[in-house]
């Protein structure tokens, strides 16, 4: 089963953080897409990927690390996890 790591680090303002930029909502969107299609992909909400200034960040385990993720990027990330991208 493929895994997509989603950084959910929340830092105090004014420091940048993935959660502060919407990563939790993005994780929920990714999980909804996976559930709708009954895909064999797991979302792992990870405490920190170490690149807060580039967040929200997501990593397909064994694949790409994505920065500045937005809702339209979720399909691309999911396609990579499925080997379609």
N, C-alpha and C. Protein backbone atom coordinates (compact mmCIF):
# COMPACT_ATOMS: atom_id res chain seq x y z
N UNK A 1 0.85 -1.18 0.00
CA UNK A 1 0.00 0.00 0.00
C UNK A 1 0.90 1.24 0.00
N UNK A 2 0.63 2.16 -0.92
CA UNK A 2 1.38 3.41 -0.99
C UNK A 2 0.96 4.34 0.13
N UNK A 3 1.91 5.17 0.56
CA UNK A 3 1.65 6.13 1.62
C UNK A 3 2.00 7.54 1.16
N UNK A 4 1.12 8.47 1.50
CA UNK A 4 1.38 9.89 1.27
C UNK A 4 1.49 10.54 2.64
N UNK A 5 2.63 11.14 2.90
CA UNK A 5 2.85 11.84 4.16
C UNK A 5 2.43 13.29 4.00
N UNK A 6 1.62 13.77 4.93
CA UNK A 6 1.16 15.15 4.92
C UNK A 6 1.65 15.81 6.20
N UNK A 7 2.44 16.86 6.04
CA UNK A 7 2.93 17.59 7.22
C UNK A 7 1.78 18.35 7.86
N UNK A 8 1.62 18.19 9.16
CA UNK A 8 0.56 18.90 9.88
C UNK A 8 1.14 19.76 11.01
N UNK A 9 2.40 20.14 10.88
CA UNK A 9 3.06 20.95 11.89
C UNK A 9 2.37 22.30 12.02
N UNK A 10 2.05 22.67 13.26
CA UNK A 10 1.46 23.98 13.57
C UNK A 10 2.45 24.74 14.42
N UNK A 11 2.93 25.86 13.91
CA UNK A 11 3.88 26.70 14.64
C UNK A 11 3.18 27.98 15.05
N UNK A 12 3.75 28.64 16.05
CA UNK A 12 3.21 29.92 16.48
C UNK A 12 3.49 30.99 15.42
N UNK A 13 2.53 31.89 15.24
CA UNK A 13 2.72 33.03 14.33
C UNK A 13 3.85 33.88 14.87
N UNK A 14 4.65 34.50 14.06
CA UNK A 14 4.54 34.64 12.61
C UNK A 14 5.33 33.58 11.85
N UNK A 15 5.76 32.53 12.53
CA UNK A 15 6.54 31.49 11.86
C UNK A 15 5.65 30.70 10.91
N UNK A 16 6.16 30.39 9.71
CA UNK A 16 5.36 29.62 8.75
C UNK A 16 5.18 28.18 9.20
N UNK A 17 4.06 27.60 8.86
CA UNK A 17 3.83 26.18 9.16
C UNK A 17 2.86 25.60 8.15
N UNK A 18 2.97 24.31 7.96
CA UNK A 18 2.08 23.63 7.02
C UNK A 18 0.63 23.70 7.48
N UNK A 19 0.38 23.44 8.76
CA UNK A 19 -1.00 23.50 9.26
C UNK A 19 -1.55 24.91 9.17
N UNK A 20 -0.69 25.89 9.44
CA UNK A 20 -1.11 27.28 9.34
C UNK A 20 -1.49 27.68 7.93
N UNK A 21 -1.02 26.92 6.95
CA UNK A 21 -1.32 27.18 5.54
C UNK A 21 -2.34 26.20 4.97
N UNK A 22 -3.01 25.44 5.84
CA UNK A 22 -4.13 24.62 5.38
C UNK A 22 -3.88 23.14 5.14
N UNK A 23 -2.78 22.60 5.66
CA UNK A 23 -2.47 21.20 5.37
C UNK A 23 -3.47 20.21 5.95
N UNK A 24 -4.10 20.54 7.06
CA UNK A 24 -5.06 19.61 7.66
C UNK A 24 -6.28 19.47 6.74
N UNK A 25 -6.75 20.58 6.19
CA UNK A 25 -7.89 20.54 5.26
C UNK A 25 -7.48 19.79 3.98
N UNK A 26 -6.24 20.00 3.54
CA UNK A 26 -5.76 19.27 2.35
C UNK A 26 -5.69 17.77 2.62
N UNK A 27 -5.25 17.37 3.82
CA UNK A 27 -5.20 15.95 4.18
C UNK A 27 -6.61 15.35 4.15
N UNK A 28 -7.57 16.10 4.65
CA UNK A 28 -8.96 15.63 4.62
C UNK A 28 -9.45 15.47 3.19
N UNK A 29 -9.09 16.39 2.31
CA UNK A 29 -9.47 16.29 0.91
C UNK A 29 -8.86 15.08 0.24
N UNK A 30 -7.61 14.82 0.55
CA UNK A 30 -6.93 13.65 0.01
C UNK A 30 -7.58 12.37 0.50
N UNK A 31 -7.88 12.31 1.80
CA UNK A 31 -8.54 11.13 2.38
C UNK A 31 -9.92 10.91 1.76
N UNK A 32 -10.64 11.98 1.47
CA UNK A 32 -11.96 11.86 0.85
C UNK A 32 -11.84 11.28 -0.56
N UNK A 33 -10.87 11.74 -1.32
CA UNK A 33 -10.66 11.20 -2.68
C UNK A 33 -10.33 9.71 -2.64
N UNK A 34 -9.50 9.34 -1.68
CA UNK A 34 -9.10 7.93 -1.53
C UNK A 34 -10.31 7.08 -1.17
N UNK A 35 -11.11 7.56 -0.22
CA UNK A 35 -12.29 6.81 0.23
C UNK A 35 -13.33 6.69 -0.89
N UNK A 36 -13.54 7.76 -1.64
CA UNK A 36 -14.53 7.75 -2.73
C UNK A 36 -14.23 6.68 -3.77
N UNK A 37 -12.92 6.45 -4.00
CA UNK A 37 -12.51 5.50 -5.03
C UNK A 37 -12.02 4.17 -4.45
N UNK A 38 -12.10 4.03 -3.13
CA UNK A 38 -11.65 2.80 -2.43
C UNK A 38 -10.23 2.41 -2.88
N UNK A 39 -9.33 3.38 -2.82
CA UNK A 39 -7.96 3.16 -3.28
C UNK A 39 -7.08 2.59 -2.17
N UNK A 40 -6.07 1.87 -2.57
CA UNK A 40 -5.11 1.28 -1.63
C UNK A 40 -3.97 2.28 -1.39
N UNK A 41 -4.33 3.43 -0.84
CA UNK A 41 -3.37 4.49 -0.52
C UNK A 41 -3.69 4.96 0.89
N UNK A 42 -2.64 5.19 1.65
CA UNK A 42 -2.81 5.61 3.04
C UNK A 42 -2.27 7.03 3.19
N UNK A 43 -2.97 7.86 3.95
CA UNK A 43 -2.50 9.20 4.28
C UNK A 43 -1.95 9.15 5.70
N UNK A 44 -0.70 9.53 5.84
CA UNK A 44 -0.06 9.57 7.15
C UNK A 44 0.15 11.03 7.51
N UNK A 45 -0.56 11.49 8.52
CA UNK A 45 -0.40 12.87 8.99
C UNK A 45 0.87 12.92 9.84
N UNK A 46 1.89 13.53 9.27
CA UNK A 46 3.23 13.51 9.84
C UNK A 46 3.49 14.82 10.59
N UNK A 47 4.19 14.75 11.73
CA UNK A 47 4.37 15.96 12.54
C UNK A 47 5.21 17.05 11.89
N UNK A 48 6.17 16.71 11.05
CA UNK A 48 6.97 17.75 10.40
C UNK A 48 7.87 17.13 9.34
N UNK A 49 7.90 17.76 8.16
CA UNK A 49 8.79 17.34 7.10
C UNK A 49 10.01 18.25 7.00
N UNK A 50 10.11 19.23 7.91
CA UNK A 50 11.30 20.06 8.03
C UNK A 50 11.44 21.19 7.02
N UNK A 51 10.39 21.51 6.30
CA UNK A 51 10.47 22.56 5.28
C UNK A 51 9.30 23.53 5.40
N UNK A 52 9.07 24.01 6.61
CA UNK A 52 7.90 24.83 6.89
C UNK A 52 7.74 26.02 5.97
N UNK A 53 8.85 26.64 5.58
CA UNK A 53 8.76 27.84 4.74
C UNK A 53 8.23 27.54 3.34
N UNK A 54 8.18 26.27 2.96
CA UNK A 54 7.68 25.87 1.64
C UNK A 54 6.31 25.20 1.70
N UNK A 55 5.69 25.19 2.87
CA UNK A 55 4.46 24.44 3.07
C UNK A 55 3.24 25.05 2.42
N UNK A 56 2.18 24.27 2.40
CA UNK A 56 2.05 22.89 2.88
C UNK A 56 2.89 21.91 2.05
N UNK A 57 3.45 20.94 2.76
CA UNK A 57 4.31 19.94 2.15
C UNK A 57 3.69 18.55 2.23
N UNK A 58 3.86 17.78 1.15
CA UNK A 58 3.43 16.39 1.12
C UNK A 58 4.51 15.56 0.44
N UNK A 59 4.63 14.31 0.86
CA UNK A 59 5.65 13.42 0.31
C UNK A 59 5.00 12.08 -0.01
N UNK A 60 5.15 11.66 -1.27
CA UNK A 60 4.76 10.30 -1.64
C UNK A 60 5.95 9.43 -1.25
N UNK A 61 5.75 8.50 -0.32
CA UNK A 61 6.85 7.67 0.16
C UNK A 61 7.44 6.90 -1.03
N UNK A 62 8.75 7.07 -1.23
CA UNK A 62 9.42 6.47 -2.37
C UNK A 62 9.34 7.32 -3.62
N UNK A 63 8.80 8.53 -3.48
CA UNK A 63 8.62 9.39 -4.64
C UNK A 63 8.90 10.85 -4.33
N UNK A 64 8.12 11.70 -4.94
CA UNK A 64 8.34 13.15 -4.89
C UNK A 64 7.94 13.77 -3.57
N UNK A 65 8.59 14.90 -3.29
CA UNK A 65 8.24 15.78 -2.18
C UNK A 65 7.61 17.01 -2.81
N UNK A 66 6.39 17.34 -2.43
CA UNK A 66 5.66 18.47 -3.00
C UNK A 66 5.60 19.62 -2.01
N UNK A 67 5.82 20.84 -2.52
CA UNK A 67 5.78 22.06 -1.72
C UNK A 67 4.65 22.95 -2.19
N UNK A 68 4.22 23.86 -1.32
CA UNK A 68 3.17 24.84 -1.65
C UNK A 68 1.94 24.13 -2.22
N UNK A 69 1.57 23.00 -1.62
CA UNK A 69 0.45 22.20 -2.13
C UNK A 69 -0.86 22.96 -1.97
N UNK A 70 -1.67 22.90 -3.02
CA UNK A 70 -3.03 23.45 -2.99
C UNK A 70 -4.00 22.35 -3.38
N UNK A 71 -5.27 22.62 -3.24
CA UNK A 71 -6.30 21.60 -3.52
C UNK A 71 -6.18 21.02 -4.93
N UNK A 72 -5.94 21.83 -5.97
CA UNK A 72 -5.80 21.24 -7.31
C UNK A 72 -4.61 20.28 -7.45
N UNK A 73 -3.61 20.38 -6.58
CA UNK A 73 -2.45 19.49 -6.64
C UNK A 73 -2.75 18.08 -6.13
N UNK A 74 -3.83 17.91 -5.39
CA UNK A 74 -4.10 16.62 -4.76
C UNK A 74 -4.26 15.50 -5.78
N UNK A 75 -4.88 15.78 -6.91
CA UNK A 75 -5.05 14.74 -7.93
C UNK A 75 -3.70 14.30 -8.51
N UNK A 76 -2.79 15.24 -8.70
CA UNK A 76 -1.46 14.92 -9.19
C UNK A 76 -0.69 14.05 -8.20
N UNK A 77 -0.78 14.42 -6.93
CA UNK A 77 -0.09 13.67 -5.87
C UNK A 77 -0.66 12.26 -5.77
N UNK A 78 -1.97 12.16 -5.82
CA UNK A 78 -2.62 10.86 -5.75
C UNK A 78 -2.26 10.02 -6.96
N UNK A 79 -2.21 10.61 -8.13
CA UNK A 79 -1.83 9.87 -9.34
C UNK A 79 -0.41 9.32 -9.22
N UNK A 80 0.49 10.10 -8.67
CA UNK A 80 1.86 9.60 -8.48
C UNK A 80 1.87 8.41 -7.53
N UNK A 81 1.13 8.52 -6.43
CA UNK A 81 1.09 7.42 -5.46
C UNK A 81 0.55 6.15 -6.10
N UNK A 82 -0.34 6.29 -7.06
CA UNK A 82 -0.94 5.15 -7.74
C UNK A 82 -0.10 4.67 -8.93
N UNK A 83 1.00 5.36 -9.18
CA UNK A 83 1.85 4.99 -10.31
C UNK A 83 1.32 5.45 -11.64
N UNK A 84 0.41 6.42 -11.62
CA UNK A 84 -0.20 6.92 -12.84
C UNK A 84 0.46 8.20 -13.34
N UNK A 85 1.36 8.77 -12.52
CA UNK A 85 1.90 10.08 -12.89
C UNK A 85 3.34 10.07 -13.26
